[in-house]
Amino acid sequence: MTAKDDLLSALANLRRATVGTRRAPHKPLLVLWLLGRFAATGSTAVAYAEAEEPVSRMIDDYGPHAKAADRAAMPFVHLERTLWDPRDADGRPLPSAPSRGGSWLRARGATGRLRPAVERLLADPGTLAAAARLLLDLHFTPALEPAIRADAGLDLTAVEEAALALPVRRRRPRRPDFAERVLHAYAFACAMCGYDGALGRNPAGLEAAHVRWHSQDGPDELSNGLALCALHHALFDLGALGLTPDLRIRVSPRYTARGRAGRAVDDLHDAPLARPRPGRPPVDEAFVRWHDRQVFKHDRLTATA
């Protein structure tokens, strides 16, 4: 691997784990964490014992609900070996057998590092920023990017972002009038709480949300859109809020709050979602099911593996 385009192509084509029909962003999140480590230290070398907690937490926060405890073990073992070199304490390459879990990796003093050729390419800030942006664009939704970047320790400067040229990003074009159509359909008010603030003629803190994320083949159509205030948009994309098939609001059992304002979110539970104006379609149940399975944070005890 000698060129930036080779690296971006490899990242764009990461094999996805099979976890039923759900998203499995384990590999992208491990790589994003490694990119943050490289940006901070100039090296991606890491022991599994050190990576396990932060990477598992990111997978738990930004991936679908799951029972599996060894979240970080899967990408640590199965990340493509053209990019990644995992070894045991004696320097021997780790086998990629599917049963290798966290306890097995810790017992063998497992370590890993991106290949030297990959690290040489990442030494160019533009390439590192391009790699991070590619993974964020392909696997997540824009509302989550600041939190993911913060957890990964990735500080992508405006200069680096402006310099990106990603021929393999495979981004679908966005419908330019999507936000305007969604906000108009919901009368410029949050479909969950009714917030309708504006500055003059311009809505303030009101956003058009995709129910099925654009990065995950969600269409820019009214049946996949919701007008949400910035707070409830963020909570919806994080999985703290969800929807039932009959379009009532759900609050995740994993959501907690101490103050009165935070506890106000709990009051939304089982409230009806606002309907769009006459003649506009409500959210399609297929997109609600996708969000419920891929994003909403169910109780850990009842989540399916």
C-alpha atoms as a PDB file:
ATOM      1  CA  MET A   1       0.000   0.000   0.000  1.00  0.00           C
ATOM      2  CA  THR A   2       1.873   3.016  -1.279  1.00  0.00           C
ATOM      3  CA  ALA A   3      -0.709   5.658  -2.228  1.00  0.00           C
ATOM      4  CA  LYS A   4      -3.388   7.642  -0.444  1.00  0.00           C
ATOM      5  CA  ASP A   5      -6.061   6.346  -2.835  1.00  0.00           C
ATOM      6  CA  ASP A   6      -5.075   2.753  -2.004  1.00  0.00           C
ATOM      7  CA  LEU A   7      -5.574   3.431   1.698  1.00  0.00           C
ATOM      8  CA  LEU A   8      -8.908   5.173   1.206  1.00  0.00           C
ATOM      9  CA  SER A   9     -10.118   2.380  -1.045  1.00  0.00           C
ATOM     10  CA  ALA A  10      -9.170  -0.219   1.586  1.00  0.00           C
ATOM     11  CA  LEU A  11     -11.017   1.722   4.271  1.00  0.00           C
ATOM     12  CA  ALA A  12     -14.061   2.183   2.048  1.00  0.00           C
ATOM     13  CA  ASN A  13     -14.202  -1.571   1.495  1.00  0.00           C
ATOM     14  CA  LEU A  14     -13.836  -2.847   5.066  1.00  0.00           C
ATOM     15  CA  ARG A  15     -15.687  -6.136   5.374  1.00  0.00           C
ATOM     16  CA  ARG A  16     -18.666  -5.746   7.673  1.00  0.00           C
ATOM     17  CA  ALA A  17     -19.304  -8.270  10.384  1.00  0.00           C
ATOM     18  CA  THR A  18     -22.503 -10.277  10.160  1.00  0.00           C
ATOM     19  CA  VAL A  19     -24.724  -9.445  13.140  1.00  0.00           C
ATOM     20  CA  GLY A  20     -28.108 -10.392  11.743  1.00  0.00           C
ATOM     21  CA  THR A  21     -29.232  -7.468   9.614  1.00  0.00           C
ATOM     22  CA  ARG A  22     -27.855  -4.792  11.896  1.00  0.00           C
ATOM     23  CA  ARG A  23     -25.069  -2.288  11.401  1.00  0.00           C
ATOM     24  CA  ALA A  24     -21.733  -3.424  12.779  1.00  0.00           C
ATOM     25  CA  PRO A  25     -19.500  -0.317  12.907  1.00  0.00           C
ATOM     26  CA  HIS A  26     -16.882  -2.053  15.069  1.00  0.00           C
ATOM     27  CA  LYS A  27     -14.038  -1.827  12.554  1.00  0.00           C
ATOM     28  CA  PRO A  28     -14.621   1.825  11.582  1.00  0.00           C
ATOM     29  CA  LEU A  29     -14.732   2.818  15.245  1.00  0.00           C
ATOM     30  CA  LEU A  30     -11.508   0.950  16.047  1.00  0.00           C
ATOM     31  CA  VAL A  31      -9.791   2.625  13.092  1.00  0.00           C
ATOM     32  CA  LEU A  32     -11.094   6.068  14.080  1.00  0.00           C
ATOM     33  CA  TRP A  33      -9.754   5.519  17.597  1.00  0.00           C
ATOM     34  CA  LEU A  34      -6.399   4.450  16.147  1.00  0.00           C
ATOM     35  CA  LEU A  35      -6.332   7.565  13.943  1.00  0.00           C
ATOM     36  CA  GLY A  36      -6.826   9.691  17.038  1.00  0.00           C
ATOM     37  CA  ARG A  37      -4.011   7.861  18.753  1.00  0.00           C
ATOM     38  CA  PHE A  38      -1.747   8.356  15.753  1.00  0.00           C
ATOM     39  CA  ALA A  39      -2.551  12.066  15.584  1.00  0.00           C
ATOM     40  CA  ALA A  40      -1.646  12.418  19.267  1.00  0.00           C
ATOM     41  CA  THR A  41       1.437  10.185  19.481  1.00  0.00           C
ATOM     42  CA  GLY A  42       2.667   9.438  15.949  1.00  0.00           C
ATOM     43  CA  SER A  43       2.055   5.716  16.463  1.00  0.00           C
ATOM     44  CA  THR A  44      -0.901   3.320  16.431  1.00  0.00           C
ATOM     45  CA  ALA A  45       0.862   0.630  18.502  1.00  0.00           C
ATOM     46  CA  VAL A  46      -1.433  -0.434  21.323  1.00  0.00           C
ATOM     47  CA  ALA A  47      -2.085  -3.329  23.690  1.00  0.00           C
ATOM     48  CA  TYR A  48      -5.563  -4.817  23.552  1.00  0.00           C
ATOM     49  CA  ALA A  49      -5.906  -4.239  27.289  1.00  0.00           C
ATOM     50  CA  GLU A  50      -5.485  -0.506  26.672  1.00  0.00           C
ATOM     51  CA  ALA A  51      -7.823  -0.299  23.672  1.00  0.00           C
ATOM     52  CA  GLU A  52     -10.577  -2.528  25.052  1.00  0.00           C
ATOM     53  CA  GLU A  53     -12.417  -0.070  27.285  1.00  0.00           C
ATOM     54  CA  PRO A  54     -12.487   3.056  25.067  1.00  0.00           C
ATOM     55  CA  VAL A  55     -13.234   1.153  21.852  1.00  0.00           C
ATOM     56  CA  SER A  56     -15.930  -0.987  23.502  1.00  0.00           C
ATOM     57  CA  ARG A  57     -17.523   2.162  24.889  1.00  0.00           C
ATOM     58  CA  MET A  58     -17.586   3.777  21.434  1.00  0.00           C
ATOM     59  CA  ILE A  59     -19.126   0.650  19.892  1.00  0.00           C
ATOM     60  CA  ASP A  60     -21.741   0.622  22.635  1.00  0.00           C
ATOM     61  CA  ASP A  61     -22.499   4.332  22.187  1.00  0.00           C
ATOM     62  CA  TYR A  62     -22.538   4.552  18.392  1.00  0.00           C
ATOM     63  CA  GLY A  63     -23.522   1.050  17.291  1.00  0.00           C
ATOM     64  CA  PRO A  64     -26.782  -0.921  17.604  1.00  0.00           C
ATOM     65  CA  HIS A  65     -27.732  -2.467  20.909  1.00  0.00           C
ATOM     66  CA  ALA A  66     -26.204  -5.891  21.556  1.00  0.00           C
ATOM     67  CA  LYS A  67     -25.526  -8.275  24.418  1.00  0.00           C
ATOM     68  CA  ALA A  68     -21.978  -9.058  23.350  1.00  0.00           C
ATOM     69  CA  ALA A  69     -19.478  -8.037  26.020  1.00  0.00           C
ATOM     70  CA  ASP A  70     -16.351  -8.423  23.871  1.00  0.00           C
ATOM     71  CA  ARG A  71     -17.169  -5.538  21.549  1.00  0.00           C
ATOM     72  CA  ALA A  72     -13.575  -4.432  20.944  1.00  0.00           C
ATOM     73  CA  ALA A  73     -12.264  -7.981  20.507  1.00  0.00           C
ATOM     74  CA  MET A  74     -13.995  -8.511  17.161  1.00  0.00           C
ATOM     75  CA  PRO A  75     -12.362  -5.651  15.243  1.00  0.00           C
ATOM     76  CA  PHE A  76      -9.038  -6.149  17.048  1.00  0.00           C
ATOM     77  CA  VAL A  77      -8.871  -9.689  15.663  1.00  0.00           C
ATOM     78  CA  HIS A  78     -10.695  -9.265  12.361  1.00  0.00           C
ATOM     79  CA  LEU A  79      -9.641  -5.865  11.008  1.00  0.00           C
ATOM     80  CA  GLU A  80      -8.182  -6.480   7.567  1.00  0.00           C
ATOM     81  CA  ARG A  81      -4.581  -7.677   7.819  1.00  0.00           C
ATOM     82  CA  THR A  82      -3.563  -5.502   4.868  1.00  0.00           C
ATOM     83  CA  LEU A  83      -4.094  -2.616   7.298  1.00  0.00           C
ATOM     84  CA  TRP A  84      -3.552  -4.135  10.714  1.00  0.00           C
ATOM     85  CA  ASP A  85      -0.926  -6.342  12.380  1.00  0.00           C
ATOM     86  CA  PRO A  86      -2.143  -7.957  15.639  1.00  0.00           C
ATOM     87  CA  ARG A  87       0.329 -10.123  17.592  1.00  0.00           C
ATOM     88  CA  ASP A  88       0.669 -11.954  20.891  1.00  0.00           C
ATOM     89  CA  ALA A  89       3.165 -11.115  23.626  1.00  0.00           C
ATOM     90  CA  ASP A  90       5.835 -13.218  21.889  1.00  0.00           C
ATOM     91  CA  GLY A  91       5.434 -11.361  18.605  1.00  0.00           C
ATOM     92  CA  ARG A  92       3.529 -14.089  16.796  1.00  0.00           C
ATOM     93  CA  PRO A  93       0.657 -13.051  14.487  1.00  0.00           C
ATOM     94  CA  LEU A  94      -2.759 -13.656  16.008  1.00  0.00           C
ATOM     95  CA  PRO A  95      -5.050 -16.140  14.270  1.00  0.00           C
ATOM     96  CA  SER A  96      -8.306 -14.686  13.008  1.00  0.00           C
ATOM     97  CA  ALA A  97     -10.545 -17.448  14.384  1.00  0.00           C
ATOM     98  CA  PRO A  98     -14.027 -16.124  15.143  1.00  0.00           C
ATOM     99  CA  SER A  99     -14.081 -17.327  18.760  1.00  0.00           C
ATOM    100  CA  ARG A 100     -11.279 -15.066  20.032  1.00  0.00           C
ATOM    101  CA  GLY A 101     -12.707 -12.894  22.795  1.00  0.00           C
ATOM    102  CA  GLY A 102     -11.377 -10.276  25.141  1.00  0.00           C
ATOM    103  CA  SER A 103     -10.229 -12.683  27.850  1.00  0.00           C
ATOM    104  CA  TRP A 104      -8.271 -14.706  25.262  1.00  0.00           C
ATOM    105  CA  LEU A 105      -6.598 -11.556  23.947  1.00  0.00           C
ATOM    106  CA  ARG A 106      -5.723 -10.256  27.416  1.00  0.00           C
ATOM    107  CA  ALA A 107      -4.298 -13.627  28.478  1.00  0.00           C
ATOM    108  CA  ARG A 108      -1.940 -13.582  25.504  1.00  0.00           C
ATOM    109  CA  GLY A 109      -0.857  -9.981  25.925  1.00  0.00           C
ATOM    110  CA  ALA A 110      -2.241  -9.129  22.492  1.00  0.00           C
ATOM    111  CA  THR A 111      -0.978  -5.993  20.790  1.00  0.00           C
ATOM    112  CA  GLY A 112      -1.707  -4.426  17.430  1.00  0.00           C
ATOM    113  CA  ARG A 113      -0.467  -1.721  15.105  1.00  0.00           C
ATOM    114  CA  LEU A 114      -1.424  -0.408  11.701  1.00  0.00           C
ATOM    115  CA  ARG A 115       1.051  -1.569   9.078  1.00  0.00           C
ATOM    116  CA  PRO A 116       4.151   0.616   8.582  1.00  0.00           C
ATOM    117  CA  ALA A 117       3.050   1.538   5.059  1.00  0.00           C
ATOM    118  CA  VAL A 118      -0.297   2.708   6.451  1.00  0.00           C
ATOM    119  CA  GLU A 119       1.360   4.785   9.160  1.00  0.00           C
ATOM    120  CA  ARG A 120       3.666   6.375   6.579  1.00  0.00           C
ATOM    121  CA  LEU A 121       0.621   7.473   4.585  1.00  0.00           C
ATOM    122  CA  LEU A 122      -1.129   8.768   7.713  1.00  0.00           C
ATOM    123  CA  ALA A 123       1.868  10.948   8.511  1.00  0.00           C
ATOM    124  CA  ASP A 124       0.418  13.335   5.924  1.00  0.00           C
ATOM    125  CA  PRO A 125      -2.289  15.307   7.807  1.00  0.00           C
ATOM    126  CA  GLY A 126      -4.458  15.525   4.714  1.00  0.00           C
ATOM    127  CA  THR A 127      -4.466  11.748   4.333  1.00  0.00           C
ATOM    128  CA  LEU A 128      -5.255  11.220   8.009  1.00  0.00           C
ATOM    129  CA  ALA A 129      -8.129  13.717   7.819  1.00  0.00           C
ATOM    130  CA  ALA A 130      -9.394  12.134   4.596  1.00  0.00           C
ATOM    131  CA  ALA A 131      -9.372   8.677   6.188  1.00  0.00           C
ATOM    132  CA  ALA A 132     -11.313   9.915   9.209  1.00  0.00           C
ATOM    133  CA  ARG A 133     -13.834  11.807   7.109  1.00  0.00           C
ATOM    134  CA  LEU A 134     -14.381   8.800   4.861  1.00  0.00           C
ATOM    135  CA  LEU A 135     -15.210   6.515   7.789  1.00  0.00           C
ATOM    136  CA  LEU A 136     -17.488   9.093   9.388  1.00  0.00           C
ATOM    137  CA  ASP A 137     -19.346   9.710   6.120  1.00  0.00           C
ATOM    138  CA  LEU A 138     -19.820   6.038   5.267  1.00  0.00           C
ATOM    139  CA  HIS A 139     -20.897   4.706   8.638  1.00  0.00           C
ATOM    140  CA  PHE A 140     -22.518   7.452  10.721  1.00  0.00           C
ATOM    141  CA  THR A 141     -24.749  10.506  10.572  1.00  0.00           C
ATOM    142  CA  PRO A 142     -23.532  14.108  10.862  1.00  0.00           C
ATOM    143  CA  ALA A 143     -25.125  14.741  14.270  1.00  0.00           C
ATOM    144  CA  LEU A 144     -22.882  12.056  15.804  1.00  0.00           C
ATOM    145  CA  GLU A 145     -19.606  13.176  14.233  1.00  0.00           C
ATOM    146  CA  PRO A 146     -18.524  15.703  16.908  1.00  0.00           C
ATOM    147  CA  ALA A 147     -19.062  13.164  19.696  1.00  0.00           C
ATOM    148  CA  ILE A 148     -17.294  10.366  17.813  1.00  0.00           C
ATOM    149  CA  ARG A 149     -14.359  12.614  16.983  1.00  0.00           C
ATOM    150  CA  ALA A 150     -14.116  13.736  20.591  1.00  0.00           C
ATOM    151  CA  ASP A 151     -14.145  10.157  21.896  1.00  0.00           C
ATOM    152  CA  ALA A 152     -11.523   9.172  19.325  1.00  0.00           C
ATOM    153  CA  GLY A 153      -9.360  12.199  20.183  1.00  0.00           C
ATOM    154  CA  LEU A 154      -9.514  13.375  16.569  1.00  0.00           C
ATOM    155  CA  ASP A 155      -9.063  17.104  15.984  1.00  0.00           C
ATOM    156  CA  LEU A 156      -9.559  17.633  12.256  1.00  0.00           C
ATOM    157  CA  THR A 157      -8.720  21.235  11.514  1.00  0.00           C
ATOM    158  CA  ALA A 158     -10.647  23.351   9.040  1.00  0.00           C
ATOM    159  CA  VAL A 159      -7.552  23.525   6.845  1.00  0.00           C
ATOM    160  CA  GLU A 160      -7.265  19.739   6.694  1.00  0.00           C
ATOM    161  CA  GLU A 161     -10.968  19.284   5.995  1.00  0.00           C
ATOM    162  CA  ALA A 162     -10.909  21.883   3.226  1.00  0.00           C
ATOM    163  CA  ALA A 163      -8.039  20.019   1.549  1.00  0.00           C
ATOM    164  CA  LEU A 164      -9.872  16.699   1.316  1.00  0.00           C
ATOM    165  CA  ALA A 165     -10.257  15.061  -2.077  1.00  0.00           C
ATOM    166  CA  LEU A 166     -11.872  11.679  -1.707  1.00  0.00           C
ATOM    167  CA  PRO A 167     -12.395   9.870  -5.011  1.00  0.00           C
ATOM    168  CA  VAL A 168     -13.616   6.719  -3.262  1.00  0.00           C
ATOM    169  CA  ARG A 169     -16.017   8.258  -0.759  1.00  0.00           C
ATOM    170  CA  ARG A 170     -19.054   6.927  -2.645  1.00  0.00           C
ATOM    171  CA  ARG A 171     -21.286   9.556  -1.106  1.00  0.00           C
ATOM    172  CA  ARG A 172     -24.791   9.703  -2.467  1.00  0.00           C
ATOM    173  CA  PRO A 173     -25.835  13.225  -3.403  1.00  0.00           C
ATOM    174  CA  ARG A 174     -28.250  14.825  -0.963  1.00  0.00           C
ATOM    175  CA  ARG A 175     -31.514  16.324  -2.155  1.00  0.00           C
ATOM    176  CA  PRO A 176     -30.920  20.064  -1.672  1.00  0.00           C
ATOM    177  CA  ASP A 177     -34.501  20.865  -0.678  1.00  0.00           C
ATOM    178  CA  PHE A 178     -34.881  18.006   1.827  1.00  0.00           C
ATOM    179  CA  ALA A 179     -34.573  20.177   4.949  1.00  0.00           C
ATOM    180  CA  GLU A 180     -36.938  22.842   3.667  1.00  0.00           C
ATOM    181  CA  ARG A 181     -39.573  20.278   2.653  1.00  0.00           C
ATOM    182  CA  VAL A 182     -39.384  18.443   5.992  1.00  0.00           C
ATOM    183  CA  LEU A 183     -39.567  21.599   8.102  1.00  0.00           C
ATOM    184  CA  HIS A 184     -42.492  22.898   6.062  1.00  0.00           C
ATOM    185  CA  ALA A 185     -44.304  19.549   6.348  1.00  0.00           C
ATOM    186  CA  TYR A 186     -44.128  19.771  10.146  1.00  0.00           C
ATOM    187  CA  ALA A 187     -45.084  23.466  10.224  1.00  0.00           C
ATOM    188  CA  PHE A 188     -41.614  24.487  11.418  1.00  0.00           C
ATOM    189  CA  ALA A 189     -42.078  22.813  14.810  1.00  0.00           C
ATOM    190  CA  CYS A 190     -40.348  19.885  16.519  1.00  0.00           C
ATOM    191  CA  ALA A 191     -42.413  16.740  15.978  1.00  0.00           C
ATOM    192  CA  MET A 192     -41.575  15.581  19.508  1.00  0.00           C
ATOM    193  CA  CYS A 193     -41.816  18.629  21.763  1.00  0.00           C
ATOM    194  CA  GLY A 194     -43.448  21.282  19.587  1.00  0.00           C
ATOM    195  CA  TYR A 195     -40.547  23.739  19.826  1.00  0.00           C
ATOM    196  CA  ASP A 196     -40.966  26.349  17.071  1.00  0.00           C
ATOM    197  CA  GLY A 197     -38.413  29.068  17.885  1.00  0.00           C
ATOM    198  CA  ALA A 198     -37.303  31.478  15.197  1.00  0.00           C
ATOM    199  CA  LEU A 199     -35.131  34.520  14.712  1.00  0.00           C
ATOM    200  CA  GLY A 200     -37.135  36.786  12.449  1.00  0.00           C
ATOM    201  CA  ARG A 201     -38.258  34.589   9.588  1.00  0.00           C
ATOM    202  CA  ASN A 202     -35.596  31.923  10.165  1.00  0.00           C
ATOM    203  CA  PRO A 203     -36.123  28.817  12.321  1.00  0.00           C
ATOM    204  CA  ALA A 204     -33.624  28.696  15.194  1.00  0.00           C
ATOM    205  CA  GLY A 205     -32.457  25.346  16.545  1.00  0.00           C
ATOM    206  CA  LEU A 206     -34.821  23.367  14.321  1.00  0.00           C
ATOM    207  CA  GLU A 207     -33.418  20.671  12.036  1.00  0.00           C
ATOM    208  CA  ALA A 208     -34.504  18.079   9.485  1.00  0.00           C
ATOM    209  CA  ALA A 209     -33.625  14.596  10.707  1.00  0.00           C
ATOM    210  CA  HIS A 210     -33.369  11.390   8.713  1.00  0.00           C
ATOM    211  CA  VAL A 211     -35.057   8.446  10.450  1.00  0.00           C
ATOM    212  CA  ARG A 212     -32.963   5.988   8.446  1.00  0.00           C
ATOM    213  CA  TRP A 213     -29.597   7.706   8.145  1.00  0.00           C
ATOM    214  CA  HIS A 214     -28.550   9.046   4.759  1.00  0.00           C
ATOM    215  CA  SER A 215     -25.216   7.202   5.123  1.00  0.00           C
ATOM    216  CA  GLN A 216     -27.156   3.956   5.557  1.00  0.00           C
ATOM    217  CA  ASP A 217     -29.200   4.292   2.347  1.00  0.00           C
ATOM    218  CA  GLY A 218     -31.938   6.424   3.872  1.00  0.00           C
ATOM    219  CA  PRO A 219     -33.733   8.424   1.149  1.00  0.00           C
ATOM    220  CA  ASP A 220     -34.155  12.202   1.188  1.00  0.00           C
ATOM    221  CA  GLU A 221     -37.941  11.820   1.213  1.00  0.00           C
ATOM    222  CA  LEU A 222     -40.640  13.173   3.526  1.00  0.00           C
ATOM    223  CA  SER A 223     -41.523   9.643   4.634  1.00  0.00           C
ATOM    224  CA  ASN A 224     -37.985   9.353   6.047  1.00  0.00           C
ATOM    225  CA  GLY A 225     -37.840  12.824   7.577  1.00  0.00           C
ATOM    226  CA  LEU A 226     -38.741  14.511  10.842  1.00  0.00           C
ATOM    227  CA  ALA A 227     -38.560  18.110  11.972  1.00  0.00           C
ATOM    228  CA  LEU A 228     -36.777  18.005  15.337  1.00  0.00           C
ATOM    229  CA  CYS A 229     -35.254  20.581  17.633  1.00  0.00           C
ATOM    230  CA  ALA A 230     -31.479  20.285  17.923  1.00  0.00           C
ATOM    231  CA  LEU A 231     -31.713  18.529  21.311  1.00  0.00           C
ATOM    232  CA  HIS A 232     -34.185  15.876  20.249  1.00  0.00           C
ATOM    233  CA  HIS A 233     -32.405  15.397  16.917  1.00  0.00           C
ATOM    234  CA  ALA A 234     -29.185  14.596  18.794  1.00  0.00           C
ATOM    235  CA  LEU A 235     -30.983  12.251  21.212  1.00  0.00           C
ATOM    236  CA  PHE A 236     -32.794  10.561  18.305  1.00  0.00           C
ATOM    237  CA  ASP A 237     -29.526   9.939  16.426  1.00  0.00           C
ATOM    238  CA  LEU A 238     -27.865   8.655  19.609  1.00  0.00           C
ATOM    239  CA  GLY A 239     -30.716   6.213  20.235  1.00  0.00           C
ATOM    240  CA  ALA A 240     -31.909   7.836  23.458  1.00  0.00           C
ATOM    241  CA  LEU A 241     -35.195   8.543  21.667  1.00  0.00           C
ATOM    242  CA  GLY A 242     -37.026   6.283  19.262  1.00  0.00           C
ATOM    243  CA  LEU A 243     -40.421   5.569  17.743  1.00  0.00           C
ATOM    244  CA  THR A 244     -42.996   2.805  17.954  1.00  0.00           C
ATOM    245  CA  PRO A 245     -44.640   1.420  14.797  1.00  0.00           C
ATOM    246  CA  ASP A 246     -47.778   3.478  15.553  1.00  0.00           C
ATOM    247  CA  LEU A 247     -45.589   6.625  15.764  1.00  0.00           C
ATOM    248  CA  ARG A 248     -45.419   7.207  19.479  1.00  0.00           C
ATOM    249  CA  ILE A 249     -42.216   8.436  21.113  1.00  0.00           C
ATOM    250  CA  ARG A 250     -39.993   6.032  23.046  1.00  0.00           C
ATOM    251  CA  VAL A 251     -37.387   6.974  25.625  1.00  0.00           C
ATOM    252  CA  SER A 252     -34.544   4.506  26.007  1.00  0.00           C
ATOM    253  CA  PRO A 253     -34.420   2.687  29.363  1.00  0.00           C
ATOM    254  CA  ARG A 254     -30.723   3.518  29.303  1.00  0.00           C
ATOM    255  CA  TYR A 255     -31.404   7.264  29.305  1.00  0.00           C
ATOM    256  CA  THR A 256     -30.850   8.925  32.692  1.00  0.00           C
ATOM    257  CA  ALA A 257     -31.029  12.516  33.909  1.00  0.00           C
ATOM    258  CA  ARG A 258     -30.748  14.234  37.285  1.00  0.00           C
ATOM    259  CA  GLY A 259     -32.007  17.754  36.624  1.00  0.00           C
ATOM    260  CA  ARG A 260     -35.516  18.929  35.815  1.00  0.00           C
ATOM    261  CA  ALA A 261     -34.635  19.838  32.212  1.00  0.00           C
ATOM    262  CA  GLY A 262     -33.056  16.444  31.575  1.00  0.00           C
ATOM    263  CA  ARG A 263     -35.967  14.614  33.179  1.00  0.00           C
ATOM    264  CA  ALA A 264     -38.328  16.448  30.842  1.00  0.00           C
ATOM    265  CA  VAL A 265     -37.176  14.033  28.131  1.00  0.00           C
ATOM    266  CA  ASP A 266     -38.764  11.181  30.116  1.00  0.00           C
ATOM    267  CA  ASP A 267     -42.093  12.985  29.837  1.00  0.00           C
ATOM    268  CA  LEU A 268     -41.998  12.353  26.087  1.00  0.00           C
ATOM    269  CA  HIS A 269     -42.299   8.592  26.563  1.00  0.00           C
ATOM    270  CA  ASP A 270     -45.429   7.220  24.850  1.00  0.00           C
ATOM    271  CA  ALA A 271     -46.464  10.688  23.659  1.00  0.00           C
ATOM    272  CA  PRO A 272     -47.737  10.764  20.072  1.00  0.00           C
ATOM    273  CA  LEU A 273     -45.382  12.048  17.417  1.00  0.00           C
ATOM    274  CA  ALA A 274     -46.769  15.124  15.672  1.00  0.00           C
ATOM    275  CA  ARG A 275     -48.276  14.326  12.296  1.00  0.00           C
ATOM    276  CA  PRO A 276     -47.235  16.255   9.203  1.00  0.00           C
ATOM    277  CA  ARG A 277     -49.540  18.705   7.510  1.00  0.00           C
ATOM    278  CA  PRO A 278     -52.441  17.295   5.465  1.00  0.00           C
ATOM    279  CA  GLY A 279     -51.328  15.724   2.226  1.00  0.00           C
ATOM    280  CA  ARG A 280     -47.799  14.958   3.490  1.00  0.00           C
ATOM    281  CA  PRO A 281     -46.845  11.367   4.313  1.00  0.00           C
ATOM    282  CA  PRO A 282     -46.019  10.338   7.887  1.00  0.00           C
ATOM    283  CA  VAL A 283     -42.819   8.445   8.655  1.00  0.00           C
ATOM    284  CA  ASP A 284     -42.788   5.098   6.876  1.00  0.00           C
ATOM    285  CA  GLU A 285     -42.922   2.142   9.274  1.00  0.00           C
ATOM    286  CA  ALA A 286     -39.992   0.504   7.455  1.00  0.00           C
ATOM    287  CA  PHE A 287     -37.733   3.401   8.461  1.00  0.00           C
ATOM    288  CA  VAL A 288     -39.071   3.270  12.039  1.00  0.00           C
ATOM    289  CA  ARG A 289     -38.161  -0.432  12.186  1.00  0.00           C
ATOM    290  CA  TRP A 290     -34.683   0.349  10.866  1.00  0.00           C
ATOM    291  CA  HIS A 291     -34.112   3.000  13.545  1.00  0.00           C
ATOM    292  CA  ASP A 292     -35.442   0.701  16.261  1.00  0.00           C
ATOM    293  CA  ARG A 293     -33.078  -2.094  15.265  1.00  0.00           C
ATOM    294  CA  GLN A 294     -30.030  -0.099  14.251  1.00  0.00           C
ATOM    295  CA  VAL A 295     -30.001   2.948  16.536  1.00  0.00           C
ATOM    296  CA  PHE A 296     -32.428   2.888  19.489  1.00  0.00           C
ATOM    297  CA  LYS A 297     -30.813   1.822  22.757  1.00  0.00           C
ATOM    298  CA  HIS A 298     -32.910  -0.970  24.197  1.00  0.00           C
ATOM    299  CA  ASP A 299     -32.508  -2.300  27.704  1.00  0.00           C
ATOM    300  CA  ARG A 300     -29.263  -4.274  27.916  1.00  0.00           C
ATOM    301  CA  LEU A 301     -31.121  -7.197  29.476  1.00  0.00           C
ATOM    302  CA  THR A 302     -33.590  -7.490  26.621  1.00  0.00           C
ATOM    303  CA  ALA A 303     -31.319  -6.610  23.689  1.00  0.00           C
ATOM    304  CA  THR A 304     -30.752  -9.364  21.175  1.00  0.00           C
ATOM    305  CA  ALA A 305     -27.244 -10.452  20.266  1.00  0.00           C
END
